Amino acid sequence: MVVHALTKAAVRTLTSLPRIASALTELRDAAEHLERLATFAAEELPEIVYQLEGIREQLAVIENRLGGRDGEITPAARRTGSRPPS
């Protein structure tokens, strides 16, 4: 009885090895992909920050042209001489 149970366990273990190997390969591939993504992000983030700062400066200029009060524009503030929408 014990030999039979051990044999069944050994067979299950051996038949599981290909699935385990496949899962480990997929995990390795996913880790490599994440590493490439992290490298890309690390290289591109400074450029993105630079571009966002430029956009912020452009928005500040637009805000000043629209007549923002104390550098702040609210939804209720009038942007031009036109009537607010009804």
Protein backbone atom coordinates (compact mmCIF):
# COMPACT_ATOMS: atom_id res chain seq x y z
CA MET A 1 0.00 0.00 0.00
CA VAL A 2 2.78 2.44 0.94
CA VAL A 3 4.75 1.50 -2.17
CA HIS A 4 1.65 2.09 -4.31
CA ALA A 5 1.08 5.54 -2.77
CA LEU A 6 4.74 6.49 -3.23
CA THR A 7 4.64 5.33 -6.85
CA LYS A 8 1.52 7.43 -7.53
CA ALA A 9 3.15 10.45 -5.91
CA ALA A 10 6.32 9.96 -7.95
CA VAL A 11 4.31 9.68 -11.19
CA ARG A 12 2.33 12.84 -10.36
CA THR A 13 5.56 14.65 -9.58
CA LEU A 14 7.19 13.57 -12.82
CA THR A 15 4.15 14.47 -14.91
CA SER A 16 4.05 17.90 -13.25
CA LEU A 17 7.65 18.76 -14.14
CA PRO A 18 6.92 19.93 -17.71
CA ARG A 19 4.17 22.26 -16.45
CA ILE A 20 6.46 23.61 -13.76
CA ALA A 21 9.24 24.16 -16.30
CA SER A 22 6.81 25.92 -18.63
CA ALA A 23 5.57 28.17 -15.82
CA LEU A 24 9.15 29.03 -14.84
CA THR A 25 9.97 29.89 -18.47
CA GLU A 26 6.95 32.18 -18.64
CA LEU A 27 7.97 33.85 -15.38
CA ARG A 28 11.52 34.38 -16.68
CA ASP A 29 10.17 35.88 -19.91
CA ALA A 30 7.84 38.16 -17.95
CA ALA A 31 10.72 39.28 -15.72
CA GLU A 32 12.84 40.09 -18.78
CA HIS A 33 9.96 42.07 -20.27
CA LEU A 34 9.51 44.01 -17.02
CA GLU A 35 13.22 44.75 -16.98
CA ARG A 36 13.02 46.16 -20.53
CA LEU A 37 10.00 48.27 -19.55
CA ALA A 38 11.78 49.59 -16.46
CA THR A 39 14.83 50.49 -18.55
CA PHE A 40 12.63 52.28 -21.09
CA ALA A 41 10.81 54.19 -18.34
CA ALA A 42 14.07 55.20 -16.68
CA GLU A 43 15.38 56.54 -19.97
CA GLU A 44 12.19 58.34 -20.99
CA LEU A 45 10.99 59.84 -17.69
CA PRO A 46 13.43 62.77 -17.72
CA GLU A 47 12.24 63.71 -21.23
CA ILE A 48 8.60 63.43 -20.16
CA VAL A 49 9.25 65.66 -17.14
CA TYR A 50 10.99 68.19 -19.38
CA GLN A 51 8.04 68.20 -21.79
CA LEU A 52 5.51 68.54 -18.95
CA GLU A 53 7.42 71.53 -17.57
CA GLY A 54 7.27 73.12 -21.02
CA ILE A 55 3.53 72.51 -21.18
CA ARG A 56 3.13 74.01 -17.71
CA GLU A 57 4.97 77.14 -18.84
CA GLN A 58 2.77 77.39 -21.94
CA LEU A 59 -0.35 77.03 -19.81
CA ALA A 60 0.88 79.76 -17.46
CA VAL A 61 1.33 82.10 -20.44
CA ILE A 62 -2.17 81.26 -21.68
CA GLU A 63 -3.56 81.76 -18.19
CA ASN A 64 -1.95 85.20 -17.94
CA ARG A 65 -3.31 86.16 -21.37
CA LEU A 66 -6.77 85.13 -20.25
CA GLY A 67 -6.52 87.49 -17.31
CA GLY A 68 -6.20 85.11 -14.40
CA ARG A 69 -6.52 86.79 -11.05
CA ASP A 70 -3.47 86.23 -8.86
CA GLY A 71 -2.41 83.42 -11.16
CA GLU A 72 -5.60 81.49 -10.52
CA ILE A 73 -8.45 80.81 -12.91
CA THR A 74 -11.61 79.24 -11.63
CA PRO A 75 -14.45 77.72 -13.64
CA ALA A 76 -16.61 80.74 -12.74
CA ALA A 77 -13.99 83.30 -13.80
CA ARG A 78 -14.66 85.01 -17.14
CA ARG A 79 -11.98 84.29 -19.68
CA THR A 80 -12.91 86.96 -22.22
CA GLY A 81 -15.39 89.78 -22.58
CA SER A 82 -18.04 87.32 -23.76
CA ARG A 83 -21.01 86.20 -21.73
CA PRO A 84 -20.69 83.00 -19.73
CA PRO A 85 -22.49 80.05 -21.30
CA SER A 86 -26.05 79.49 -20.15
